[in-house]
Amino acid sequence: MGGIALMLVLASLAGCGGGTKETTTQPAAEPQPATQTDADKPKEETKETQADEPKITGDFEIQYFVGGYGDAWWKEMIGEFQKKYPDLKIKESAGSQINDQMKPRWIQGNPPDVVYIDGAGSNETQMVKDDQLMDITDWVKQAKNVDGEALTDPLIAPPQDYGGKNYTIPLVFGSWGTFYDESLFTEKGWDVPKDWDSFLAASDKIKAAGINPYIHTGKYPYYIVGGLLNSGFVSENGDDPQILKDQEANKEGSFKNDAVAKTLKKLVDMRDKGYFDNASFGINHTDSQMLFLQHKDAMIPNGLWLENEMKKDVPQGFKFGFIPSVMQNAGGKYVAIPYTSNIAIAKKAKNPEAAKAFIEFIFTKKSAVRWAELTGALMNVKADLESSGASDVVKTAMKYFNGSDTIVAPVFKLNADLEQAENDATIALLQKTIAPEEWMERMEKAAAKSR
């Protein structure tokens, strides 16, 4: 991942919000062809090469979650794709609740052609396990984007590997971490945490000033797991992120060991010192983020989509700051926990040729620049974003990613049952209904059940 980090030149990232939308883009009226003589035709164009290109027609459905990234990029890309293939009838199934609303169709074997896997109610690992996604292993090796590049050449993170097979391609590349208001910290004279000791020192000063040091999203505990716990596991494992891949693989002992125990102790220390806002448990992500913006809370675990998601509510003078991790011991490296939001073709897609053509259409440097400009975030394509609309907080994140004192962990994802077990156990620990030992026992049992 070190080589990957070097390619992240002034980039950006994002994730959650919106209402459900279903749009059908009608095929454009077929234009009348202009008269063309043989001399006008490009020399390399022949009837044979034209026949080699599949004609993209018929119905084509795309499912995409609308959250912190918004839907402007999707609308633009689909509109341009429609112009390229005017005989195609495109249906957009989109919104903040689209994953739950589409679930019955997936179960019934009537899925859309393409799915962007992101947001609440989605789990890629589970979809692979349930055999819902197309095996694209062979296709992705030879596929080219519309610019003629090998599809995988410009990718930052490669297609996710599932036992030597590929079912998805990362579309978004982001990172979890702890966020704060740089302006507030400067005004109050608080030092930005660089490790666990300085985090404790800063939190004590924040609490003494009458502000809650930390808030999380109780309804969606994966925010605190991704933004706080996972980096702690890596730090306490000697800066070795293999522990996360072992947990992903349900490996025995991966949830019950010294690294996990020491990380959970730090979480309990935060709890017992009263660092957490008690309002955390009953609220969702946007509510917790609003309290953070209102300076009721000084820090929050979140993803790099945060600034874009809350842009309409950001108070004047508020300046987002980002720290990849705070649980590392003195002298330890920062740990960046990346996430990707991936795109896939349904195994039972009715128009697989259109699905493949769409993926080849969007994975270009031009599309990556537009993603940055429209979302303030980073698409999973190496592109020069220096002159794009990347935000300051994302540029700060890139400095961490490019630095030698930051470890960028591999992308990983627990299956749905294991993720739910971890979410439930973490909330129970924060509410003092279980001890760290029981957290580990619960997770080991859940992992054993998933093997």
Protein backbone atom coordinates (compact mmCIF):
# COMPACT_ATOMS: atom_id res chain seq x y z
CA MET A 1 0.00 0.00 0.00
CA GLY A 2 3.02 2.34 0.35
CA GLY A 3 3.27 2.51 -3.44
CA ILE A 4 -0.45 3.19 -3.61
CA ALA A 5 -0.14 6.07 -1.18
CA LEU A 6 2.48 7.75 -3.38
CA MET A 7 -0.05 7.94 -6.19
CA LEU A 8 -2.62 9.81 -4.13
CA VAL A 9 -1.70 13.26 -5.41
CA LEU A 10 -3.81 15.97 -3.79
CA ALA A 11 -6.92 13.83 -3.75
CA SER A 12 -10.14 13.37 -1.75
CA LEU A 13 -12.91 11.06 -0.34
CA ALA A 14 -16.73 10.72 0.95
CA GLY A 15 -20.26 8.61 2.18
CA CYS A 16 -24.23 8.91 3.60
CA GLY A 17 -28.02 10.85 3.21
CA GLY A 18 -30.83 11.46 0.38
CA GLY A 19 -34.24 10.24 -0.80
CA THR A 20 -35.18 7.34 -3.01
CA LYS A 21 -35.26 8.02 -6.72
CA GLU A 22 -36.15 5.92 -9.72
CA THR A 23 -35.43 7.49 -13.08
CA THR A 24 -35.78 6.12 -16.55
CA THR A 25 -33.63 7.73 -19.21
CA GLN A 26 -35.33 7.28 -22.55
CA PRO A 27 -33.14 6.50 -25.54
CA ALA A 28 -32.44 9.52 -27.67
CA ALA A 29 -34.06 9.78 -31.07
CA GLU A 30 -31.88 8.04 -33.58
CA PRO A 31 -29.93 10.68 -35.52
CA GLN A 32 -29.99 10.66 -39.30
CA PRO A 33 -26.55 9.58 -40.51
CA ALA A 34 -24.62 12.05 -42.60
CA THR A 35 -23.54 10.93 -46.05
CA GLN A 36 -19.99 9.61 -45.85
CA THR A 37 -17.79 8.48 -48.69
CA ASP A 38 -15.21 5.73 -48.41
CA ALA A 39 -12.51 8.41 -48.51
CA ASP A 40 -14.02 10.08 -45.43
CA LYS A 41 -13.86 6.93 -43.32
CA PRO A 42 -10.86 6.35 -41.03
CA LYS A 43 -8.57 3.87 -42.73
CA GLU A 44 -8.63 1.48 -39.78
CA GLU A 45 -12.43 1.35 -39.68
CA THR A 46 -13.84 -1.64 -41.51
CA LYS A 47 -17.04 -3.63 -41.43
CA GLU A 48 -15.10 -6.30 -39.60
CA THR A 49 -13.99 -4.01 -36.74
CA GLN A 50 -17.49 -2.56 -36.47
CA ALA A 51 -18.89 -6.06 -36.13
CA ASP A 52 -16.44 -6.79 -33.31
CA GLU A 53 -18.01 -4.06 -31.15
CA PRO A 54 -21.16 -5.30 -29.42
CA LYS A 55 -24.23 -3.17 -30.09
CA ILE A 56 -25.42 -1.85 -26.74
CA THR A 57 -29.19 -1.70 -26.75
CA GLY A 58 -32.21 -2.68 -24.66
CA ASP A 59 -33.08 -2.06 -21.02
CA PHE A 60 -30.29 -1.33 -18.55
CA GLU A 61 -30.74 -0.75 -14.80
CA ILE A 62 -28.25 0.79 -12.36
CA GLN A 63 -28.67 0.70 -8.58
CA TYR A 64 -26.72 3.28 -6.60
CA PHE A 65 -26.82 4.54 -3.03
CA VAL A 66 -27.15 8.31 -2.60
CA GLY A 67 -25.35 9.59 0.48
CA GLY A 68 -22.57 12.01 1.27
CA TYR A 69 -21.28 11.90 -2.30
CA GLY A 70 -24.63 13.04 -3.68
CA ASP A 71 -25.88 11.96 -7.10
CA ALA A 72 -24.51 14.71 -9.40
CA TRP A 73 -21.65 12.54 -10.65
CA TRP A 74 -23.96 9.61 -11.34
CA LYS A 75 -26.40 11.82 -13.24
CA GLU A 76 -23.59 13.26 -15.34
CA MET A 77 -21.96 9.91 -16.11
CA ILE A 78 -25.26 8.21 -16.96
CA GLY A 79 -26.22 11.14 -19.17
CA GLU A 80 -22.94 10.91 -21.09
CA PHE A 81 -23.26 7.12 -21.31
CA GLN A 82 -26.75 7.58 -22.75
CA LYS A 83 -25.35 9.89 -25.43
CA LYS A 84 -22.76 7.28 -26.37
CA TYR A 85 -25.40 4.54 -26.59
CA PRO A 86 -28.64 6.28 -27.66
CA ASP A 87 -30.49 2.99 -28.24
CA LEU A 88 -30.18 2.09 -24.56
CA LYS A 89 -33.11 2.59 -22.17
CA ILE A 90 -31.53 3.34 -18.78
CA LYS A 91 -33.31 3.01 -15.46
CA GLU A 92 -31.77 4.52 -12.32
CA SER A 93 -32.78 2.99 -8.99
CA ALA A 94 -31.25 5.30 -6.41
CA GLY A 95 -31.67 6.88 -2.99
CA SER A 96 -30.61 6.74 0.65
CA GLN A 97 -32.83 3.69 1.34
CA ILE A 98 -32.28 1.96 -1.98
CA ASN A 99 -30.33 -0.99 -0.57
CA ASP A 100 -33.20 -2.08 1.68
CA GLN A 101 -35.80 -1.35 -0.98
CA MET A 102 -34.00 -3.41 -3.61
CA LYS A 103 -33.19 -6.33 -1.30
CA PRO A 104 -36.40 -8.29 -2.10
CA ARG A 105 -35.56 -8.16 -5.81
CA TRP A 106 -32.06 -9.51 -5.17
CA ILE A 107 -33.51 -12.33 -3.08
CA GLN A 108 -36.08 -13.12 -5.77
CA GLY A 109 -33.40 -13.29 -8.47
CA ASN A 110 -34.51 -10.09 -10.23
CA PRO A 111 -31.60 -7.70 -9.59
CA PRO A 112 -30.50 -4.61 -11.54
CA ASP A 113 -27.64 -5.00 -14.01
CA VAL A 114 -25.07 -2.89 -12.13
CA VAL A 115 -24.90 -2.14 -8.41
CA TYR A 116 -22.83 0.40 -6.53
CA ILE A 117 -22.29 -1.22 -3.12
CA ASP A 118 -22.32 1.48 -0.46
CA GLY A 119 -24.38 2.73 2.48
CA ALA A 120 -26.57 1.17 5.12
CA GLY A 121 -28.06 -2.17 4.16
CA SER A 122 -25.22 -3.16 1.81
CA ASN A 123 -22.52 -5.76 2.40
CA GLU A 124 -20.29 -6.87 -0.43
CA THR A 125 -18.83 -9.87 1.36
CA GLN A 126 -22.34 -11.16 2.00
CA MET A 127 -23.35 -10.63 -1.64
CA VAL A 128 -20.36 -12.66 -2.77
CA LYS A 129 -21.17 -15.34 -0.22
CA ASP A 130 -24.77 -15.43 -1.46
CA ASP A 131 -23.57 -15.82 -5.09
CA GLN A 132 -25.34 -12.65 -6.22
CA LEU A 133 -22.46 -11.07 -8.16
CA MET A 134 -20.91 -11.94 -11.51
CA ASP A 135 -17.44 -13.50 -11.55
CA ILE A 136 -15.48 -10.89 -13.54
CA THR A 137 -12.02 -12.43 -13.00
CA ASP A 138 -11.26 -13.18 -16.64
CA TRP A 139 -13.07 -10.18 -18.07
CA VAL A 140 -11.37 -7.57 -15.87
CA LYS A 141 -7.92 -8.86 -16.89
CA GLN A 142 -8.49 -7.99 -20.55
CA ALA A 143 -11.03 -5.17 -20.31
CA LYS A 144 -10.09 -1.68 -21.49
CA ASN A 145 -11.67 1.63 -20.61
CA VAL A 146 -13.01 3.96 -23.29
CA ASP A 147 -9.61 5.70 -23.46
CA GLY A 148 -8.00 2.44 -24.54
CA GLU A 149 -6.15 1.81 -21.25
CA ALA A 150 -6.25 -1.56 -19.52
CA LEU A 151 -9.08 -1.15 -17.04
CA THR A 152 -6.97 -2.07 -14.01
CA ASP A 153 -3.87 0.01 -14.90
CA PRO A 154 -5.03 3.34 -13.41
CA LEU A 155 -6.66 1.81 -10.31
CA ILE A 156 -5.33 2.81 -6.88
CA ALA A 157 -6.75 -0.27 -5.15
CA PRO A 158 -7.10 -3.42 -7.28
CA PRO A 159 -10.29 -5.47 -7.60
CA GLN A 160 -11.10 -7.19 -4.32
CA ASP A 161 -9.72 -10.72 -4.17
CA TYR A 162 -11.97 -13.54 -3.00
CA GLY A 163 -9.93 -16.72 -3.09
CA GLY A 164 -8.39 -15.82 -6.43
CA LYS A 165 -11.64 -14.53 -7.95
CA ASN A 166 -12.90 -10.99 -8.56
CA TYR A 167 -16.51 -9.91 -8.27
CA THR A 168 -16.20 -6.17 -7.63
CA ILE A 169 -14.05 -3.17 -8.57
CA PRO A 170 -13.42 -0.37 -6.06
CA LEU A 171 -15.02 2.86 -7.30
CA VAL A 172 -14.31 5.03 -4.24
CA PHE A 173 -11.15 5.03 -2.13
CA GLY A 174 -11.36 6.62 1.32
CA SER A 175 -10.16 6.50 4.90
CA TRP A 176 -11.62 6.45 8.40
CA GLY A 177 -10.19 8.61 11.14
CA THR A 178 -10.90 11.19 13.86
CA PHE A 179 -12.09 14.65 12.85
CA TYR A 180 -11.88 17.95 14.74
CA ASP A 181 -12.29 21.68 14.12
CA GLU A 182 -8.86 23.23 13.55
CA SER A 183 -10.24 26.69 14.34
CA LEU A 184 -11.61 25.57 17.70
CA PHE A 185 -8.39 23.80 18.68
CA THR A 186 -6.36 26.89 17.76
CA GLU A 187 -8.70 29.21 19.64
CA LYS A 188 -8.59 27.09 22.80
CA GLY A 189 -4.88 26.33 22.59
CA TRP A 190 -5.44 22.55 22.45
CA ASP A 191 -2.72 20.43 20.90
CA VAL A 192 -3.83 18.13 18.09
CA PRO A 193 -3.33 14.52 19.29
CA LYS A 194 -0.38 12.66 17.79
CA ASP A 195 -0.68 9.49 19.87
CA TRP A 196 -2.64 7.98 22.75
CA ASP A 197 -0.96 10.01 25.51
CA SER A 198 -1.50 13.32 23.74
CA PHE A 199 -5.07 12.30 22.96
CA LEU A 200 -5.73 11.75 26.67
CA ALA A 201 -4.09 15.08 27.53
CA ALA A 202 -6.13 16.97 24.94
CA SER A 203 -9.35 15.23 26.00
CA ASP A 204 -8.81 16.24 29.64
CA LYS A 205 -8.42 19.90 28.61
CA ILE A 206 -11.49 19.70 26.37
CA LYS A 207 -13.59 18.19 29.12
CA ALA A 208 -12.39 20.84 31.57
CA ALA A 209 -13.60 23.49 29.11
CA GLY A 210 -17.13 22.06 29.32
CA ILE A 211 -17.12 20.33 25.94
CA ASN A 212 -17.50 16.60 25.34
CA PRO A 213 -14.20 15.31 23.94
CA TYR A 214 -15.73 12.63 21.69
CA ILE A 215 -19.05 11.68 20.12
CA HIS A 216 -19.92 8.62 18.06
CA THR A 217 -22.91 7.29 16.15
CA GLY A 218 -24.70 4.85 18.40
CA LYS A 219 -27.17 3.70 15.77
CA TYR A 220 -24.32 2.88 13.40
CA PRO A 221 -21.46 1.57 15.56
CA TYR A 222 -19.30 0.76 12.54
CA TYR A 223 -18.26 4.43 12.60
CA ILE A 224 -16.43 4.03 15.91
CA VAL A 225 -15.13 0.60 14.89
CA GLY A 226 -13.70 1.96 11.64
CA GLY A 227 -12.63 5.34 12.97
CA LEU A 228 -11.12 4.23 16.26
CA LEU A 229 -10.95 0.51 17.10
CA ASN A 230 -9.48 -0.98 13.93
CA SER A 231 -6.48 1.34 13.92
CA GLY A 232 -5.94 0.45 17.57
CA PHE A 233 -5.86 -3.25 16.74
CA VAL A 234 -3.13 -2.62 14.16
CA SER A 235 -1.07 -0.39 16.48
CA GLU A 236 -1.20 -2.88 19.32
CA ASN A 237 -0.31 -5.67 16.90
CA GLY A 238 3.13 -4.17 16.34
CA ASP A 239 1.86 -1.98 13.46
CA ASP A 240 0.99 -5.15 11.56
CA PRO A 241 -2.38 -4.86 9.75
CA GLN A 242 -2.52 -8.61 9.14
CA ILE A 243 -4.77 -8.81 12.20
CA LEU A 244 -7.55 -7.17 10.18
CA LYS A 245 -7.22 -9.63 7.31
CA ASP A 246 -7.26 -12.49 9.85
CA GLN A 247 -10.50 -11.11 11.28
CA GLU A 248 -11.95 -10.84 7.78
CA ALA A 249 -11.07 -14.52 7.25
CA ASN A 250 -12.73 -15.52 10.56
CA LYS A 251 -9.39 -16.86 11.75
CA GLU A 252 -9.43 -18.39 15.20
CA GLY A 253 -7.88 -16.11 17.81
CA SER A 254 -8.04 -12.99 15.62
CA PHE A 255 -10.59 -11.37 17.94
CA LYS A 256 -9.11 -12.63 21.20
CA ASN A 257 -5.46 -11.71 21.68
CA ASP A 258 -3.25 -9.14 23.41
CA ALA A 259 -3.64 -6.54 20.65
CA VAL A 260 -7.44 -6.62 20.87
CA ALA A 261 -7.40 -6.70 24.68
CA LYS A 262 -5.11 -3.63 24.91
CA THR A 263 -7.22 -1.72 22.38
CA LEU A 264 -10.45 -2.50 24.21
CA LYS A 265 -8.83 -1.34 27.47
CA LYS A 266 -8.15 2.03 25.86
CA LEU A 267 -11.78 2.24 24.75
CA VAL A 268 -12.90 1.45 28.29
CA ASP A 269 -10.53 4.13 29.62
CA MET A 270 -12.21 6.68 27.35
CA ARG A 271 -15.60 5.52 28.58
CA ASP A 272 -14.68 5.60 32.26
CA LYS A 273 -13.03 9.03 32.00
CA GLY A 274 -16.31 10.40 30.64
CA TYR A 275 -14.92 11.39 27.26
CA PHE A 276 -17.94 10.18 25.29
CA ASP A 277 -21.06 12.27 24.84
CA ASN A 278 -23.88 10.26 26.44
CA ALA A 279 -26.16 11.39 23.61
CA SER A 280 -24.18 9.12 21.27
CA PHE A 281 -26.15 5.96 21.92
CA GLY A 282 -29.53 7.05 20.61
CA ILE A 283 -28.56 9.07 17.56
CA ASN A 284 -27.69 8.50 13.92
CA HIS A 285 -24.71 9.75 11.97
CA THR A 286 -26.13 13.10 10.87
CA ASP A 287 -27.33 13.96 14.39
CA SER A 288 -23.92 13.20 15.87
CA GLN A 289 -22.27 15.21 13.10
CA MET A 290 -24.53 18.21 13.82
CA LEU A 291 -23.53 18.16 17.51
CA PHE A 292 -19.90 18.05 16.39
CA LEU A 293 -20.41 21.05 14.09
CA GLN A 294 -22.10 22.93 16.95
CA HIS A 295 -19.03 22.35 19.18
CA LYS A 296 -21.02 20.28 21.65
CA ASP A 297 -18.33 17.70 20.94
CA ALA A 298 -14.71 18.29 19.95
CA MET A 299 -13.89 15.09 18.02
CA ILE A 300 -15.77 12.45 16.03
CA PRO A 301 -14.85 9.18 14.28
CA ASN A 302 -15.91 9.32 10.65
CA GLY A 303 -14.94 8.87 7.02
CA LEU A 304 -13.53 11.40 4.58
CA TRP A 305 -17.00 11.98 3.15
CA LEU A 306 -17.90 14.00 6.29
CA GLU A 307 -17.15 17.49 5.00
CA ASN A 308 -19.09 17.01 1.77
CA GLU A 309 -22.03 15.37 3.52
CA MET A 310 -22.44 18.24 5.98
CA LYS A 311 -21.45 21.13 3.69
CA LYS A 312 -24.87 22.81 3.97
CA ASP A 313 -24.62 22.94 7.77
CA VAL A 314 -20.98 23.89 8.35
CA PRO A 315 -20.77 27.08 10.48
CA GLN A 316 -18.71 30.00 9.24
CA GLY A 317 -15.09 29.67 10.35
CA PHE A 318 -15.28 25.92 10.93
CA LYS A 319 -12.22 24.18 9.46
CA PHE A 320 -12.18 20.39 9.29
CA GLY A 321 -9.10 18.68 10.65
CA PHE A 322 -8.28 14.99 10.23
CA ILE A 323 -6.15 12.47 12.16
CA PRO A 324 -5.92 8.89 10.81
CA SER A 325 -5.59 7.39 14.29
CA VAL A 326 -5.19 8.34 17.96
CA MET A 327 -4.67 4.99 19.70
CA GLN A 328 -1.01 4.48 18.72
CA ASN A 329 1.46 4.56 21.58
CA ALA A 330 4.11 7.29 21.86
CA GLY A 331 6.50 7.00 18.93
CA GLY A 332 4.14 4.73 17.02
CA LYS A 333 3.04 5.33 13.47
CA TYR A 334 -0.35 6.62 12.42
CA VAL A 335 -2.62 3.92 11.03
CA ALA A 336 -4.99 4.74 8.17
CA ILE A 337 -7.94 2.38 7.83
CA PRO A 338 -9.04 2.59 4.20
CA TYR A 339 -12.44 1.77 2.83
CA THR A 340 -13.61 1.29 -0.68
CA SER A 341 -17.09 1.42 -2.07
CA ASN A 342 -17.25 -0.99 -4.96
CA ILE A 343 -19.21 -1.52 -8.12
CA ALA A 344 -20.32 -4.89 -9.48
CA ILE A 345 -22.38 -6.62 -12.13
CA ALA A 346 -25.22 -8.83 -10.94
CA LYS A 347 -24.77 -12.51 -11.71
CA LYS A 348 -28.32 -12.50 -13.07
CA ALA A 349 -27.91 -9.24 -14.98
CA LYS A 350 -30.31 -9.07 -17.94
CA ASN A 351 -27.97 -6.85 -19.95
CA PRO A 352 -24.40 -7.85 -19.04
CA GLU A 353 -22.91 -6.28 -22.18
CA ALA A 354 -24.32 -2.87 -21.23
CA ALA A 355 -23.10 -3.40 -17.67
CA LYS A 356 -19.54 -4.06 -18.84
CA ALA A 357 -19.68 -1.12 -21.24
CA PHE A 358 -20.77 1.17 -18.40
CA ILE A 359 -17.87 0.10 -16.19
CA GLU A 360 -15.43 0.62 -19.06
CA PHE A 361 -16.98 4.05 -19.59
CA ILE A 362 -16.62 5.37 -16.02
CA PHE A 363 -13.15 4.13 -15.04
CA THR A 364 -11.16 6.93 -16.68
CA LYS A 365 -8.99 9.80 -15.46
CA LYS A 366 -11.56 12.29 -16.77
CA SER A 367 -14.29 10.64 -14.68
CA ALA A 368 -11.99 10.65 -11.65
CA VAL A 369 -11.42 14.39 -11.96
CA ARG A 370 -15.18 15.00 -12.25
CA TRP A 371 -15.75 12.81 -9.19
CA ALA A 372 -13.32 14.98 -7.20
CA GLU A 373 -14.94 18.18 -8.46
CA LEU A 374 -18.50 17.05 -7.79
CA THR A 375 -18.00 15.18 -4.50
CA GLY A 376 -14.81 16.61 -2.98
CA ALA A 377 -13.72 13.00 -2.79
CA LEU A 378 -11.33 10.49 -4.32
CA MET A 379 -12.33 8.01 -6.99
CA ASN A 380 -10.25 4.83 -7.20
CA VAL A 381 -8.33 6.04 -10.26
CA LYS A 382 -4.87 7.62 -10.36
CA ALA A 383 -5.40 11.11 -11.69
CA ASP A 384 -3.82 14.54 -11.30
CA LEU A 385 -6.24 16.36 -9.02
CA GLU A 386 -4.01 19.33 -8.21
CA SER A 387 -6.28 21.77 -10.03
CA SER A 388 -9.51 20.00 -9.01
CA GLY A 389 -11.88 20.91 -6.21
CA ALA A 390 -10.28 18.67 -3.59
CA SER A 391 -10.91 20.03 -0.09
CA ASP A 392 -8.28 21.07 2.45
CA VAL A 393 -9.15 18.17 4.77
CA VAL A 394 -8.60 15.70 1.95
CA LYS A 395 -5.28 17.30 1.11
CA THR A 396 -4.34 16.91 4.78
CA ALA A 397 -5.32 13.25 4.59
CA MET A 398 -3.14 12.80 1.53
CA LYS A 399 -0.15 14.19 3.42
CA TYR A 400 -0.64 11.48 6.01
CA PHE A 401 -1.04 8.78 3.36
CA ASN A 402 2.10 9.90 1.58
CA GLY A 403 4.13 10.16 4.76
CA SER A 404 6.58 7.52 5.99
CA ASP A 405 5.08 7.72 9.48
CA THR A 406 1.69 6.39 8.35
CA ILE A 407 0.71 2.77 7.76
CA VAL A 408 -2.08 2.33 5.22
CA ALA A 409 -3.84 -0.90 6.12
CA PRO A 410 -5.23 -3.17 3.40
CA VAL A 411 -8.89 -2.89 2.47
CA PHE A 412 -10.95 -5.48 4.35
CA LYS A 413 -14.59 -6.15 5.13
CA LEU A 414 -16.23 -8.47 7.66
CA ASN A 415 -19.24 -10.47 6.53
CA ALA A 416 -22.65 -9.12 7.56
CA ASP A 417 -23.14 -11.40 10.57
CA LEU A 418 -19.66 -10.75 11.94
CA GLU A 419 -19.97 -7.01 11.40
CA GLN A 420 -23.28 -6.96 13.26
CA ALA A 421 -21.79 -8.95 16.11
CA GLU A 422 -18.91 -6.47 16.38
CA ASN A 423 -21.28 -3.51 16.31
CA ASP A 424 -23.46 -5.00 19.04
CA ALA A 425 -20.54 -5.99 21.24
CA THR A 426 -18.93 -2.56 20.94
CA ILE A 427 -22.10 -0.72 21.99
CA ALA A 428 -22.57 -3.17 24.86
CA LEU A 429 -19.02 -2.47 26.00
CA LEU A 430 -19.54 1.29 25.84
CA GLN A 431 -22.79 0.94 27.80
CA LYS A 432 -20.99 -1.11 30.49
CA THR A 433 -23.20 -4.15 29.97
CA ILE A 434 -20.22 -6.35 29.08
CA ALA A 435 -16.48 -6.36 29.85
CA PRO A 436 -13.66 -6.57 27.27
CA GLU A 437 -13.29 -10.30 27.90
CA GLU A 438 -16.91 -10.89 26.92
CA TRP A 439 -16.45 -8.69 23.83
CA MET A 440 -13.67 -11.02 22.71
CA GLU A 441 -15.62 -14.16 23.55
CA ARG A 442 -18.65 -12.94 21.60
CA MET A 443 -16.54 -12.19 18.56
CA GLU A 444 -14.70 -15.51 18.65
CA LYS A 445 -18.03 -17.35 18.76
CA ALA A 446 -19.38 -15.26 15.87
CA ALA A 447 -16.22 -15.91 13.83
CA ALA A 448 -16.42 -19.65 14.50
CA LYS A 449 -20.04 -19.64 13.34
CA SER A 450 -19.03 -17.91 10.10
CA ARG A 451 -16.24 -20.35 9.20
